Amino acid sequence: MTVRPGDRVRVQGQWRQMLSSRMDRFPSGGSAVVLVFTAGHALRVPASQEMAISR
């Protein structure tokens, strides 16, 4: 599933609302997704990581 602005993502036991997302790379070359939230810091996660998403 693809995350979209307005989705809520479960991060560290909390539901956080998405502002935007973008593809990126780790320094080692692996694919990553950067999740930008309406509040708090952005989070970079492996592109293959499973996440709980609420629309």
Protein backbone atom coordinates (compact mmCIF):
# COMPACT_ATOMS: atom_id res chain seq x y z
CA MET A 1 0.00 0.00 0.00
CA THR A 2 1.22 3.49 -0.75
CA VAL A 3 0.99 6.19 1.92
CA ARG A 4 -0.65 9.47 0.92
CA PRO A 5 -0.97 12.91 2.53
CA GLY A 6 -3.66 12.77 5.22
CA ASP A 7 -3.07 9.08 6.03
CA ARG A 8 -2.29 8.17 9.61
CA VAL A 9 0.73 5.92 10.21
CA ARG A 10 1.47 4.02 13.42
CA VAL A 11 4.97 5.00 14.59
CA GLN A 12 6.48 4.04 17.95
CA GLY A 13 3.06 3.23 19.41
CA GLN A 14 1.40 6.46 18.21
CA TRP A 15 -0.77 7.32 15.22
CA ARG A 16 0.80 10.25 13.35
CA GLN A 17 -0.77 12.12 10.41
CA MET A 18 1.19 12.27 7.15
CA LEU A 19 1.98 15.56 5.45
CA SER A 20 4.03 14.05 2.61
CA SER A 21 6.39 11.23 1.66
CA ARG A 22 9.24 10.78 -0.78
CA MET A 23 11.62 8.08 -1.96
CA ASP A 24 15.26 8.27 -0.85
CA ARG A 25 18.33 6.05 -0.51
CA PHE A 26 20.32 4.98 2.52
CA PRO A 27 24.08 5.63 2.31
CA SER A 28 24.49 1.86 1.83
CA GLY A 29 22.36 2.09 -1.32
CA GLY A 30 19.11 0.55 -0.09
CA SER A 31 15.74 2.12 -0.90
CA ALA A 32 14.07 4.21 1.78
CA VAL A 33 10.87 6.18 2.23
CA VAL A 34 10.96 9.49 4.10
CA LEU A 35 7.70 10.12 5.96
CA VAL A 36 6.98 13.77 6.83
CA PHE A 37 4.36 14.28 9.52
CA THR A 38 2.16 17.26 10.38
CA ALA A 39 3.84 17.36 13.80
CA GLY A 40 7.25 16.14 14.90
CA HIS A 41 10.30 14.99 12.97
CA ALA A 42 10.42 13.22 9.63
CA LEU A 43 11.19 9.50 9.66
CA ARG A 44 13.25 7.49 7.15
CA VAL A 45 12.30 3.82 6.94
CA PRO A 46 13.31 0.95 4.63
CA ALA A 47 10.99 0.87 1.60
CA SER A 48 10.15 -2.78 2.32
CA GLN A 49 9.13 -2.19 5.95
CA GLU A 50 5.51 -3.00 6.77
CA MET A 51 3.55 -0.26 8.52
CA ALA A 52 0.04 0.17 9.91
CA ILE A 53 -1.82 2.80 7.87
CA SER A 54 -5.27 4.29 8.47
CA ARG A 55 -7.07 6.23 5.75
